[in-house]
Amino acid sequence: MNVTGTIAALGVALLFAVALFAMTVGELQVAGFCFLSASLLIYLRERYLVD
């Protein structure tokens, strides 16, 4: 089991949850930053953490 890859995937899920919550309360800059961060984390996970 790849622990670092799993932690990164949980981080992505958390970032998406925060982004969706931020969108519902009108904090669009926070939501955009969370979506961007999640996208970068997905890229880094697929590029370096998953075999």
N, C-alpha and C. Protein backbone atom coordinates (compact mmCIF):
# COMPACT_ATOMS: atom_id res chain seq x y z
N MET A 1 0.84 -1.19 0.00
CA MET A 1 0.00 0.00 0.00
C MET A 1 0.88 1.25 0.00
N ASN A 2 0.55 2.18 -0.83
CA ASN A 2 1.30 3.42 -0.96
C ASN A 2 0.70 4.47 -0.01
N VAL A 3 1.34 4.64 1.14
CA VAL A 3 0.79 5.52 2.17
C VAL A 3 0.81 6.98 1.73
N THR A 4 1.90 7.42 1.12
CA THR A 4 1.98 8.83 0.72
C THR A 4 0.97 9.16 -0.38
N GLY A 5 0.75 8.21 -1.29
CA GLY A 5 -0.25 8.42 -2.33
C GLY A 5 -1.65 8.48 -1.77
N THR A 6 -1.91 7.65 -0.76
CA THR A 6 -3.22 7.65 -0.11
C THR A 6 -3.45 8.95 0.66
N ILE A 7 -2.44 9.43 1.34
CA ILE A 7 -2.55 10.71 2.07
C ILE A 7 -2.79 11.85 1.10
N ALA A 8 -2.11 11.82 -0.04
CA ALA A 8 -2.31 12.86 -1.06
C ALA A 8 -3.74 12.82 -1.59
N ALA A 9 -4.28 11.62 -1.80
CA ALA A 9 -5.66 11.49 -2.29
C ALA A 9 -6.65 12.03 -1.26
N LEU A 10 -6.40 11.76 0.01
CA LEU A 10 -7.26 12.31 1.07
C LEU A 10 -7.16 13.84 1.11
N GLY A 11 -5.96 14.37 0.87
CA GLY A 11 -5.79 15.82 0.81
C GLY A 11 -6.58 16.43 -0.33
N VAL A 12 -6.60 15.75 -1.46
CA VAL A 12 -7.37 16.23 -2.62
C VAL A 12 -8.86 16.25 -2.27
N ALA A 13 -9.34 15.18 -1.65
CA ALA A 13 -10.76 15.12 -1.26
C ALA A 13 -11.09 16.23 -0.28
N LEU A 14 -10.20 16.50 0.66
CA LEU A 14 -10.42 17.58 1.63
C LEU A 14 -10.43 18.94 0.95
N LEU A 15 -9.52 19.15 0.01
CA LEU A 15 -9.49 20.42 -0.71
C LEU A 15 -10.75 20.64 -1.53
N PHE A 16 -11.25 19.57 -2.16
CA PHE A 16 -12.50 19.69 -2.92
C PHE A 16 -13.67 20.01 -1.99
N ALA A 17 -13.70 19.39 -0.80
CA ALA A 17 -14.78 19.67 0.15
C ALA A 17 -14.74 21.12 0.61
N VAL A 18 -13.55 21.62 0.91
CA VAL A 18 -13.40 23.02 1.33
C VAL A 18 -13.81 23.95 0.19
N ALA A 19 -13.42 23.61 -1.03
CA ALA A 19 -13.77 24.44 -2.17
C ALA A 19 -15.27 24.50 -2.39
N LEU A 20 -15.94 23.36 -2.28
CA LEU A 20 -17.39 23.35 -2.46
C LEU A 20 -18.08 24.14 -1.36
N PHE A 21 -17.60 24.01 -0.13
CA PHE A 21 -18.18 24.79 0.96
C PHE A 21 -17.94 26.28 0.73
N ALA A 22 -16.73 26.65 0.31
CA ALA A 22 -16.42 28.05 0.05
C ALA A 22 -17.30 28.62 -1.06
N MET A 23 -17.60 27.81 -2.06
CA MET A 23 -18.48 28.28 -3.13
C MET A 23 -19.89 28.55 -2.61
N THR A 24 -20.36 27.70 -1.71
CA THR A 24 -21.73 27.87 -1.22
C THR A 24 -21.89 29.11 -0.36
N VAL A 25 -20.82 29.54 0.31
CA VAL A 25 -20.91 30.74 1.15
C VAL A 25 -20.43 31.99 0.42
N GLY A 26 -20.03 31.85 -0.84
CA GLY A 26 -19.68 33.01 -1.65
C GLY A 26 -18.22 33.40 -1.62
N GLU A 27 -17.37 32.59 -1.04
CA GLU A 27 -15.93 32.89 -1.02
C GLU A 27 -15.28 32.28 -2.26
N LEU A 28 -15.42 32.96 -3.38
CA LEU A 28 -14.99 32.38 -4.65
C LEU A 28 -13.48 32.35 -4.82
N GLN A 29 -12.78 33.31 -4.22
CA GLN A 29 -11.32 33.28 -4.30
C GLN A 29 -10.75 32.09 -3.53
N VAL A 30 -11.31 31.82 -2.38
CA VAL A 30 -10.87 30.66 -1.59
C VAL A 30 -11.18 29.38 -2.35
N ALA A 31 -12.38 29.31 -2.93
CA ALA A 31 -12.76 28.13 -3.70
C ALA A 31 -11.82 27.92 -4.89
N GLY A 32 -11.51 28.98 -5.60
CA GLY A 32 -10.60 28.88 -6.74
C GLY A 32 -9.22 28.42 -6.33
N PHE A 33 -8.73 28.95 -5.21
CA PHE A 33 -7.42 28.54 -4.72
C PHE A 33 -7.42 27.07 -4.32
N CYS A 34 -8.50 26.61 -3.70
CA CYS A 34 -8.59 25.21 -3.30
C CYS A 34 -8.65 24.29 -4.52
N PHE A 35 -9.43 24.68 -5.54
CA PHE A 35 -9.48 23.88 -6.75
C PHE A 35 -8.13 23.84 -7.45
N LEU A 36 -7.44 24.96 -7.50
CA LEU A 36 -6.11 24.99 -8.10
C LEU A 36 -5.13 24.12 -7.31
N SER A 37 -5.17 24.22 -5.99
CA SER A 37 -4.30 23.41 -5.15
C SER A 37 -4.59 21.93 -5.32
N ALA A 38 -5.87 21.57 -5.39
CA ALA A 38 -6.24 20.17 -5.59
C ALA A 38 -5.73 19.66 -6.93
N SER A 39 -5.83 20.48 -7.96
CA SER A 39 -5.34 20.07 -9.27
C SER A 39 -3.83 19.84 -9.26
N LEU A 40 -3.11 20.72 -8.61
CA LEU A 40 -1.66 20.54 -8.51
C LEU A 40 -1.30 19.31 -7.69
N LEU A 41 -2.04 19.07 -6.63
CA LEU A 41 -1.78 17.90 -5.80
C LEU A 41 -2.08 16.61 -6.57
N ILE A 42 -3.12 16.61 -7.37
CA ILE A 42 -3.41 15.46 -8.22
C ILE A 42 -2.26 15.21 -9.19
N TYR A 43 -1.77 16.27 -9.81
CA TYR A 43 -0.65 16.13 -10.74
C TYR A 43 0.58 15.57 -10.03
N LEU A 44 0.93 16.14 -8.88
CA LEU A 44 2.11 15.68 -8.15
C LEU A 44 1.96 14.24 -7.68
N ARG A 45 0.75 13.89 -7.27
CA ARG A 45 0.50 12.51 -6.84
C ARG A 45 0.70 11.54 -7.99
N GLU A 46 0.12 11.84 -9.13
CA GLU A 46 0.23 10.95 -10.27
C GLU A 46 1.66 10.91 -10.84
N ARG A 47 2.35 12.02 -10.75
CA ARG A 47 3.69 12.10 -11.33
C ARG A 47 4.76 11.45 -10.45
N TYR A 48 4.69 11.67 -9.13
CA TYR A 48 5.78 11.27 -8.26
C TYR A 48 5.43 10.23 -7.20
N LEU A 49 4.16 10.14 -6.80
CA LEU A 49 3.85 9.30 -5.64
C LEU A 49 3.25 7.95 -5.97
N VAL A 50 2.70 7.80 -7.17
CA VAL A 50 2.08 6.54 -7.54
C VAL A 50 2.99 5.81 -8.53
N ASP A 51 3.23 4.54 -8.27
CA ASP A 51 4.12 3.76 -9.14
C ASP A 51 3.51 3.46 -10.47
